């Protein structure tokens, strides 16, 4: 689980192993992650872009950048939340993700809302 606040924007992440989409015999482990973005500050903010750093157990790093999330650029007024679920594929049974969202205020000011590192792990992978 990850829980980080930047300039009033709190990002919580909960990750889970996705066995139905995984194929360990082919070195493919799938994980879902559910994200809640909450604007706890007094000013609106719009999520403009995302940047993810995905690292597998072999140290292989993949960076993913793009506009918005799940095809949307949600505007969060003060007190509002936005939730979505997405997924990632690793070549190892565990790894990590971290990143940031590029947020924009109504006056055009921008900042990066940090997403602290969270673990992707197949149950019993670390035993």
Protein backbone atom coordinates (compact mmCIF):
# COMPACT_ATOMS: atom_id res chain seq x y z
CA UNK A 1 0.00 0.00 0.00
CA UNK A 2 1.15 3.51 -0.79
CA UNK A 3 -0.17 6.75 0.71
CA UNK A 4 1.42 10.07 -0.27
CA UNK A 5 0.28 13.72 -0.10
CA UNK A 6 1.67 16.53 -2.27
CA UNK A 7 0.25 20.07 -2.15
CA UNK A 8 -3.06 18.81 -0.79
CA UNK A 9 -3.43 15.96 -3.29
CA UNK A 10 -3.36 12.54 -1.58
CA UNK A 11 -2.71 9.40 -3.62
CA UNK A 12 -3.43 5.97 -2.17
CA UNK A 13 -2.54 2.76 -4.02
CA UNK A 14 -3.47 -0.84 -3.27
CA UNK A 15 -1.93 -3.55 -5.46
CA UNK A 16 -2.97 -7.18 -5.96
CA UNK A 17 -1.71 -10.20 -7.87
CA UNK A 18 -3.88 -11.06 -10.90
CA UNK A 19 -3.56 -14.84 -11.37
CA UNK A 20 -6.09 -15.03 -14.25
CA UNK A 21 -3.86 -12.84 -16.46
CA UNK A 22 -0.56 -14.32 -15.27
CA UNK A 23 1.45 -17.05 -16.96
CA UNK A 24 4.41 -17.95 -14.73
CA UNK A 25 5.55 -20.63 -17.22
CA UNK A 26 6.04 -17.76 -19.71
CA UNK A 27 7.61 -15.39 -17.13
CA UNK A 28 4.51 -13.19 -17.02
CA UNK A 29 3.07 -12.02 -13.71
CA UNK A 30 0.12 -9.62 -13.84
CA UNK A 31 -0.86 -7.19 -11.10
CA UNK A 32 -3.75 -4.80 -10.65
CA UNK A 33 -3.51 -1.57 -8.73
CA UNK A 34 -6.39 0.53 -7.48
CA UNK A 35 -5.77 4.22 -7.01
CA UNK A 36 -7.67 6.84 -5.06
CA UNK A 37 -6.75 10.46 -5.71
CA UNK A 38 -8.21 12.83 -3.12
CA UNK A 39 -7.99 16.60 -3.22
CA UNK A 40 -7.66 17.48 0.45
CA UNK A 41 -6.53 21.04 -0.28
CA UNK A 42 -8.54 24.22 -0.84
CA UNK A 43 -7.84 24.59 -4.61
CA UNK A 44 -8.95 22.53 -7.60
CA UNK A 45 -6.38 20.47 -9.50
CA UNK A 46 -6.58 18.63 -12.83
CA UNK A 47 -4.55 15.49 -13.52
CA UNK A 48 -2.83 16.17 -16.86
CA UNK A 49 -0.27 13.36 -17.22
CA UNK A 50 1.22 10.28 -15.56
CA UNK A 51 4.73 8.90 -15.15
CA UNK A 52 5.37 5.41 -13.80
CA UNK A 53 8.65 3.69 -12.95
CA UNK A 54 8.16 -0.09 -12.90
CA UNK A 55 11.04 -2.22 -11.62
CA UNK A 56 11.10 -6.01 -11.64
CA UNK A 57 13.09 -8.30 -9.33
CA UNK A 58 15.95 -8.44 -11.85
CA UNK A 59 16.35 -4.66 -11.70
CA UNK A 60 14.82 -4.16 -15.16
CA UNK A 61 13.21 -0.71 -15.22
CA UNK A 62 10.37 0.35 -17.50
CA UNK A 63 9.11 3.92 -17.58
CA UNK A 64 5.60 4.71 -18.74
CA UNK A 65 4.47 8.24 -19.58
CA UNK A 66 1.18 9.44 -20.99
CA UNK A 67 -1.69 11.87 -20.83
CA UNK A 68 -4.18 11.45 -18.01
CA UNK A 69 -5.20 8.08 -16.57
CA UNK A 70 -7.56 5.48 -18.08
CA UNK A 71 -8.34 7.91 -20.91
CA UNK A 72 -9.36 10.73 -18.57
CA UNK A 73 -7.93 13.96 -17.19
CA UNK A 74 -10.04 14.32 -14.04
CA UNK A 75 -10.51 17.71 -12.42
CA UNK A 76 -10.72 17.40 -8.66
CA UNK A 77 -12.40 20.25 -6.85
CA UNK A 78 -11.57 20.70 -3.17
CA UNK A 79 -12.87 17.67 -1.27
CA UNK A 80 -13.38 15.51 -4.38
CA UNK A 81 -11.88 12.12 -5.14
CA UNK A 82 -11.25 10.10 -8.29
CA UNK A 83 -10.73 6.33 -8.30
CA UNK A 84 -9.57 3.94 -10.98
CA UNK A 85 -7.97 0.53 -11.43
CA UNK A 86 -5.27 -0.41 -13.91
CA UNK A 87 -2.68 -3.15 -14.28
CA UNK A 88 0.95 -3.93 -15.03
CA UNK A 89 2.85 -6.99 -16.23
CA UNK A 90 6.22 -8.08 -14.82
CA UNK A 91 8.70 -10.72 -15.96
CA UNK A 92 9.33 -11.69 -12.32
CA UNK A 93 6.92 -12.65 -9.50
CA UNK A 94 7.60 -9.42 -7.63
CA UNK A 95 8.71 -5.85 -8.22
CA UNK A 96 7.84 -2.26 -7.43
CA UNK A 97 6.13 0.77 -8.92
CA UNK A 98 6.37 4.48 -8.15
CA UNK A 99 5.79 7.69 -10.03
CA UNK A 100 3.94 10.95 -10.16
CA UNK A 101 0.99 12.70 -11.71
CA UNK A 102 1.41 16.09 -13.35
CA UNK A 103 -1.30 18.24 -11.80
CA UNK A 104 -2.46 21.68 -12.95
CA UNK A 105 -4.28 24.36 -10.96
CA UNK A 106 -6.94 26.58 -12.54
CA UNK A 107 -4.40 29.45 -12.69
CA UNK A 108 -2.07 27.27 -14.81
CA UNK A 109 0.40 26.48 -12.00
CA UNK A 110 1.68 22.90 -12.24
CA UNK A 111 3.15 20.46 -9.73
CA UNK A 112 4.03 16.78 -9.53
CA UNK A 113 1.92 14.76 -7.10
CA UNK A 114 4.21 11.96 -5.93
CA UNK A 115 3.16 8.32 -5.83
CA UNK A 116 5.37 6.60 -3.29
CA UNK A 117 6.76 3.18 -4.09
CA UNK A 118 4.52 0.16 -3.66
CA UNK A 119 5.20 -3.54 -4.02
CA UNK A 120 3.79 -5.89 -6.63
CA UNK A 121 4.13 -9.46 -5.41
CA UNK A 122 2.70 -12.86 -6.15
CA UNK A 123 1.57 -14.46 -2.88
CA UNK A 124 4.40 -16.56 -1.44
CA UNK A 125 6.91 -15.17 -3.97
CA UNK A 126 9.16 -13.88 -1.21
CA UNK A 127 9.07 -17.05 0.94
